[in-house]
Amino acid sequence: MSLSVSPSWLDRSSPLDSFSYTHSSMPSSSLLLSLPKEILIEIISKVASILTDNGGIAPVSLIELSKTCRYLHSLIHTDNASSPTIWQRAFRVRFDTAAIRRRRIHRHFQWQLALQQRCTTLNVCRMLSLDPSPTITENVISWSIVWDMITEHDELNVDQLLKYRVEQAAGLTFQWARYRGQHLCSVVLPILSVLVNYDFSVTRFFRSEHPDQLVSPQLSYLAYNFETDALISKHMPLLRPYHIWNIPHDLMEGGLMERRSSSAAVFTSTSLSSPALPLPPSASSSSALSPFSSRVSSSSVPSRRSSVASTHDLPFYPAQDPLASAFHLFFLTIFAFHPTPYQAIPNCIPLPLFTIHSEMFDVEFLRRYERNLFFASLKESREAWEEKQYNTQMPVPQGLPNIYADTGFASPSHFVTEAHLIEGEWMGYYSFLDPDDVADPGREILEDWFDGPMRLTLRIIPLDDNSSDLNSLSNTSSWVSRWLDDLEPTDTQVPRKRRKLVAADRPDHFPSMHLRACPLTRFEGWGVDNLGIFTVSGLIDDTEDGQVTWEKTYTESGETWEYSGRFLPPMGMCGRWGDDEYGGPWWMWKVATEETLPQPATNTTLASTSSSSSTVVTTLAK
């Protein structure tokens, strides 16, 4: 089967006919075209809503109607008044639009282009699943469009993804990543972590081919080797947008951007940029930028400039942490293929599957948009500096517009957060490898151990300005000292002007409901696992995309372990505990309030319901 993409079905020319663009010259025999324009547009909109009998997603009836005469072709494709309305109707009967409106990007959304891109991407994914070819994943599939569909899902999008076998295309891409580059893992792991909730057979892509192993060596390596953090993150943006203050100019203009450009050159799946605008004042629709997209505005540069200054599109990456997604898939794969998990794990509880809706991904959308704004402004500043340096008298392209600027979004004083999710009851698992097996150089198969389920009760506590957390961080993080300085009144401070509170500024509106002035959130709690009762004390850092770090201290032994991870809505939190010598992945998810854990009396109560030793549940590659 050929994997070539057919020419754009929206660019087909209209057939020649005798009809003109005015009603006065229309033949009297054409009753349809003699109708008022408003009624004619309503009829066309009804046609746009027709779904094909074979389940195809393309608006075939609308396209065929546009080929009947020039006047209808004009109304459907080029008329500025009717075309957006028609294509919006065609789009919303096939895909969810609530998130697009809630995020306030519908005003400049190119519905026709969006529908074309999604149809193309879905068809390529289905072709890939039927006739696998590693080259097509990089050259044709636009994973950014797939991720947009996931993060905008409410009722329709996931069904379309599953119907066109997107999960199979993503699974094959993960399996090929070790041959074609780890940068693909950073893209498809978050996609698979979400879609596995709707198709549990996705776990087959992570099963080992060895009969004595459950999890593939590729996923096991991500789970247990701490150096994989750098292996994955080296392909992703390094800067924390708008909260980095002292970046050397030579690094910004030299090695850093060169590293970005080199990684962008090998991954071009964003060639179909997402159609959500607004347009910069002087931009055309073909070069407009999108809040979803990683595309940075481009321009030609003289050949005498360095290769660092060459124009590249930044590669697309979800703002959802790929390693957290890998840990989530690791636990699901073990439970999917272990023959007797309930007998092997003490007090074993089943792993949950989740349904998603678009509001769960609003924070991910904002962090991705903030990252794209940062790199767009960085590129704009760099090209302005080059224009001044080389005096080329070439116009500097305008950057990606910030449509939420009135809320303080994407500024050093506001941080995107979802830290409030930490409060509540949590349950989950952690795993580890036997240190004796790890130290044995002749052992090729390592056994994965579980200690049974772990349960936590967490609550947010006030962040003391003079606490040791802030004092220790202020010595190493420039934004902390700056934030603390802002809390101290000075005589030179200019008082803020009073301004009218508009809807966009209200704390219960998007995106203000996800913004905070302070990036730190402290929490504490207690919990129990197979080894005893423990206390928890932790911190959430929104300058690190909501990194969650906490210490787990057992009350009897005083033994302390450090946990680090990130939120993974709606699946909970995932991360690693311990260090590179002894530790492993963990996954915690929220439990219903009626299942809250009662206050324990002593460890004797816990011992009556739990075994005192760990249990081997599977074998993994070393």
Foldseek 3Di string as FASTA:
>chain_A
DDLDFDPQLLPDDADDDDDDQDLVPDDPVPPLSVDDPVVNLVVLLVLLLDADPVRALDSVSSSVVLNPYVNSVCQCRPDPVRNVVSLVSNQVSAAACPVVVQQPLVVQFDSVLLSRLVSQQLQSLLVCLVPPDQVCVQPEHQLLSVVVRVLADDPHSLVSCVVSPNLSSLLVNVVCCVVQHLQSLLRSLLVNLQNCLVPVCSLVSQQDPDPFFQGHQVLVCLWFFPCVVCRHCLLDDDALFQQDDDDDPCVLQPDVLVSQQVSQVSGPSCPSPRRRADADPPDDSVQTHHLSAQAAGDDDDDPVDDPSLHDGRGHDGFLFGSSQSSLSSVVSSLVVPFPCPVVQAAVADDADRDDDHNVLCLLRSLSSSLVSQRVNVSSLVNVVVVCVVVVPPDDRDDTGDDPLVVQVRSHLQKFFDPVQVVAAKKKWWFKKWDLVLVPDPVRFKTFIWTQHMKMKGKDWDDDDLPDPVLVVVVVPRVSSVVLSVVVDDDPPDDDDDDDDDDPSNDCVGPPNVRMDRDQKIWMKTWIATQAAIWIKTWMFGRSVVGKIKIWTAHPPPRDIKIWIWHASPPQGIKGWIDDSSIITIMGMHHDDPVPDDDDDDGRVVVCVRHPNDIGGRRMHGD
